[in-house]
Amino acid sequence: APKQGYALALQVDDTLAGHPDDFTNTVGTLASNLTYDNYLRAIQYLDDANAPQEERWFGVSPAEANGLLGLKEYIHNDYSMLHGEGPRVTAQERAYVTSFLLIPVYKSTNVEGTNAAGHDNFLMQREAIAFILQVNPTMWGPFRDVDYFATKIALEQLYGSAILRNDHGIWCQGA
């Protein structure tokens, strides 16, 4: 039963992770780490679209997060104003790598792709994707199944998502 709630949340995450490769603007090359210029170009695309500066964020694979460690702009103290703070407690806080170019970076193993083929990393502003949760996860049961002499429960949820503002998201093809 505890794994069912996680499975529902993962299904939502899978659905949302499928959108970045539908964004019109792209930077980078699949299976190669993004360069500093790629990050700057992605930010420029959002600026060109007049996307608000607030609520922008990068979503990257673990491979791309490691690729950031190869950028001097990311690791050197000379650029420390571009980074966030230290230790985190919650799952969302642990996914937060740091900020880069004043934009939060979140690492997820659920970014679409593979290490061999590359990943669908992204930069987006909140208005890029619309998400509606019509029915919150709801548990039904327990029910007694007399055919199997087992107790069963069921969970349901109803949601949907779509790209709302295509120019507020950038597909960052990378490692």
Protein backbone atom coordinates (compact mmCIF):
# COMPACT_ATOMS: atom_id res chain seq x y z
CA ALA A 1 0.00 0.00 0.00
CA PRO A 2 2.70 2.60 0.78
CA LYS A 3 4.23 2.06 -2.66
CA GLN A 4 0.96 2.88 -4.41
CA GLY A 5 1.15 6.54 -3.41
CA TYR A 6 4.72 6.71 -4.69
CA ALA A 7 3.65 5.02 -7.95
CA LEU A 8 0.91 7.61 -8.48
CA ALA A 9 3.34 10.49 -7.90
CA LEU A 10 5.89 8.89 -10.24
CA GLN A 11 3.22 8.59 -12.95
CA VAL A 12 2.56 12.33 -12.71
CA ASP A 13 6.32 13.02 -12.84
CA ASP A 14 6.67 10.75 -15.90
CA THR A 15 3.91 12.65 -17.68
CA LEU A 16 5.49 16.03 -16.93
CA ALA A 17 8.97 14.76 -17.90
CA GLY A 18 7.60 13.98 -21.36
CA HIS A 19 7.02 17.63 -22.28
CA PRO A 20 10.51 19.18 -22.67
CA ASP A 21 11.29 17.58 -26.03
CA ASP A 22 8.14 19.27 -27.39
CA PHE A 23 9.46 22.77 -26.63
CA THR A 24 10.23 24.74 -29.79
CA ASN A 25 13.57 26.20 -28.68
CA THR A 26 16.48 23.82 -28.18
CA VAL A 27 20.11 24.07 -27.18
CA GLY A 28 22.88 21.49 -26.92
CA THR A 29 23.49 18.06 -28.39
CA LEU A 30 22.14 14.78 -27.06
CA ALA A 31 24.72 12.62 -25.21
CA SER A 32 27.10 15.60 -24.78
CA ASN A 33 27.35 17.87 -21.77
CA LEU A 34 25.84 21.30 -22.13
CA THR A 35 28.34 24.13 -22.47
CA TYR A 36 28.31 27.48 -20.73
CA ASP A 37 27.19 29.03 -24.02
CA ASN A 38 24.27 26.57 -24.18
CA TYR A 39 23.09 27.70 -20.74
CA LEU A 40 23.41 31.36 -21.75
CA ARG A 41 21.48 30.77 -25.00
CA ALA A 42 18.69 28.98 -23.12
CA ILE A 43 18.35 31.95 -20.78
CA GLN A 44 18.35 34.29 -23.76
CA TYR A 45 15.44 32.35 -25.31
CA LEU A 46 13.39 32.93 -22.15
CA ASP A 47 14.40 36.59 -22.08
CA ASP A 48 13.41 36.98 -25.76
CA ALA A 49 9.98 35.54 -24.90
CA ASN A 50 9.58 38.05 -22.05
CA ALA A 51 9.26 35.16 -19.60
CA PRO A 52 9.26 36.48 -16.03
CA GLN A 53 12.59 36.18 -14.19
CA GLU A 54 10.82 34.59 -11.22
CA GLU A 55 10.06 30.86 -11.08
CA ARG A 56 12.59 29.77 -13.69
CA TRP A 57 14.44 26.50 -13.11
CA PHE A 58 16.66 23.91 -14.75
CA GLY A 59 15.78 20.21 -14.62
CA VAL A 60 18.83 18.02 -15.30
CA SER A 61 19.81 14.37 -15.28
CA PRO A 62 22.50 13.11 -12.89
CA ALA A 63 24.86 12.92 -15.88
CA GLU A 64 24.24 16.57 -16.73
CA ALA A 65 24.58 17.56 -13.06
CA ASN A 66 28.02 15.95 -13.13
CA GLY A 67 28.75 17.80 -16.37
CA LEU A 68 28.17 21.07 -14.53
CA LEU A 69 31.18 20.18 -12.37
CA GLY A 70 33.33 20.57 -15.49
CA LEU A 71 32.34 24.20 -15.95
CA LYS A 72 34.68 26.70 -14.31
CA GLU A 73 31.72 29.10 -13.97
CA TYR A 74 30.03 26.50 -11.81
CA ILE A 75 32.84 25.32 -9.54
CA HIS A 76 35.11 28.33 -8.96
CA ASN A 77 34.55 30.63 -6.01
CA ASP A 78 34.97 33.61 -8.32
CA TYR A 79 31.42 32.86 -9.45
CA SER A 80 30.00 32.17 -5.97
CA MET A 81 27.18 34.68 -6.41
CA LEU A 82 25.70 32.27 -8.96
CA HIS A 83 25.23 29.46 -6.44
CA GLY A 84 22.81 28.58 -3.66
CA GLU A 85 23.20 27.43 -0.08
CA GLY A 86 24.31 24.16 1.54
CA PRO A 87 22.66 21.06 3.09
CA ARG A 88 19.04 20.13 2.52
CA VAL A 89 16.50 17.94 4.33
CA THR A 90 13.37 17.26 2.23
CA ALA A 91 13.35 15.30 -1.03
CA GLN A 92 12.75 18.48 -3.02
CA GLU A 93 15.62 20.20 -1.23
CA ARG A 94 17.93 17.21 -1.90
CA ALA A 95 17.03 17.36 -5.61
CA TYR A 96 18.14 21.01 -5.58
CA VAL A 97 21.76 20.95 -6.70
CA THR A 98 22.38 24.70 -6.45
CA SER A 99 21.54 27.70 -8.54
CA PHE A 100 23.49 28.40 -11.69
CA LEU A 101 23.37 31.81 -13.32
CA LEU A 102 20.90 32.70 -10.55
CA ILE A 103 18.46 29.97 -11.66
CA PRO A 104 17.78 26.92 -9.43
CA VAL A 105 19.04 23.56 -10.76
CA TYR A 106 17.14 20.39 -9.83
CA LYS A 107 18.58 16.92 -10.48
CA SER A 108 16.21 14.05 -11.26
CA THR A 109 16.66 10.46 -12.37
CA ASN A 110 13.26 10.81 -14.04
CA VAL A 111 14.45 13.15 -16.82
CA GLU A 112 13.69 11.32 -20.07
CA GLY A 113 16.58 9.63 -21.86
CA THR A 114 19.54 7.37 -21.19
CA ASN A 115 23.23 7.89 -20.54
CA ALA A 116 24.05 6.43 -23.97
CA ALA A 117 21.49 8.44 -25.98
CA GLY A 118 21.41 11.61 -23.88
CA HIS A 119 18.73 13.23 -21.72
CA ASP A 120 15.93 15.74 -22.19
CA ASN A 121 17.18 18.36 -19.73
CA PHE A 122 15.30 21.63 -19.70
CA LEU A 123 15.05 25.21 -18.60
CA MET A 124 11.57 26.51 -18.06
CA GLN A 125 9.54 29.22 -16.48
CA ARG A 126 6.46 28.21 -14.51
CA GLU A 127 4.01 29.31 -17.24
CA ALA A 128 5.42 26.81 -19.77
CA ILE A 129 3.35 23.82 -18.63
CA ALA A 130 -0.17 23.71 -17.24
CA PHE A 131 -0.88 20.95 -14.72
CA ILE A 132 -4.32 20.23 -13.28
CA LEU A 133 -4.99 17.72 -10.53
CA GLN A 134 -8.73 17.15 -10.83
CA VAL A 135 -8.97 14.41 -8.21
CA ASN A 136 -6.40 14.20 -5.42
CA PRO A 137 -5.02 10.71 -4.77
CA THR A 138 -7.84 8.94 -2.97
CA MET A 139 -7.72 5.53 -1.29
CA TRP A 140 -10.68 3.18 -1.47
CA GLY A 141 -11.04 0.19 0.80
CA PRO A 142 -10.00 -1.94 2.39
CA PHE A 143 -12.06 -4.56 0.58
CA ARG A 144 -12.14 -8.23 1.47
CA ASP A 145 -11.72 -10.47 -1.58
CA VAL A 146 -13.39 -13.79 -0.78
CA ASP A 147 -11.98 -15.51 -3.88
CA TYR A 148 -8.40 -15.05 -2.72
CA PHE A 149 -8.95 -14.48 1.01
CA ALA A 150 -7.09 -11.20 0.72
CA THR A 151 -7.62 -7.61 1.72
CA LYS A 152 -7.34 -5.14 -1.14
CA ILE A 153 -7.23 -1.38 -1.48
CA ALA A 154 -7.38 0.87 -4.53
CA LEU A 155 -6.05 4.35 -5.21
CA GLU A 156 -7.23 6.77 -7.85
CA GLN A 157 -6.31 10.20 -9.12
CA LEU A 158 -7.26 12.28 -12.14
CA TYR A 159 -4.89 14.82 -13.69
CA GLY A 160 -3.82 16.35 -16.96
CA SER A 161 -1.05 18.53 -18.34
CA ALA A 162 -0.21 20.39 -21.52
CA ILE A 163 2.32 22.87 -22.82
CA LEU A 164 0.72 26.24 -22.24
CA ARG A 165 3.43 28.67 -23.37
CA ASN A 166 5.89 26.93 -25.67
CA ASP A 167 8.31 29.86 -25.67
CA HIS A 168 8.66 29.65 -21.87
CA GLY A 169 10.47 26.29 -22.03
CA ILE A 170 13.79 25.28 -23.58
CA TRP A 171 14.76 21.70 -24.42
CA CYS A 172 18.38 21.43 -23.28
CA GLN A 173 19.65 18.34 -25.08
CA GLY A 174 22.56 16.98 -23.11
CA ALA A 175 24.18 14.20 -21.17
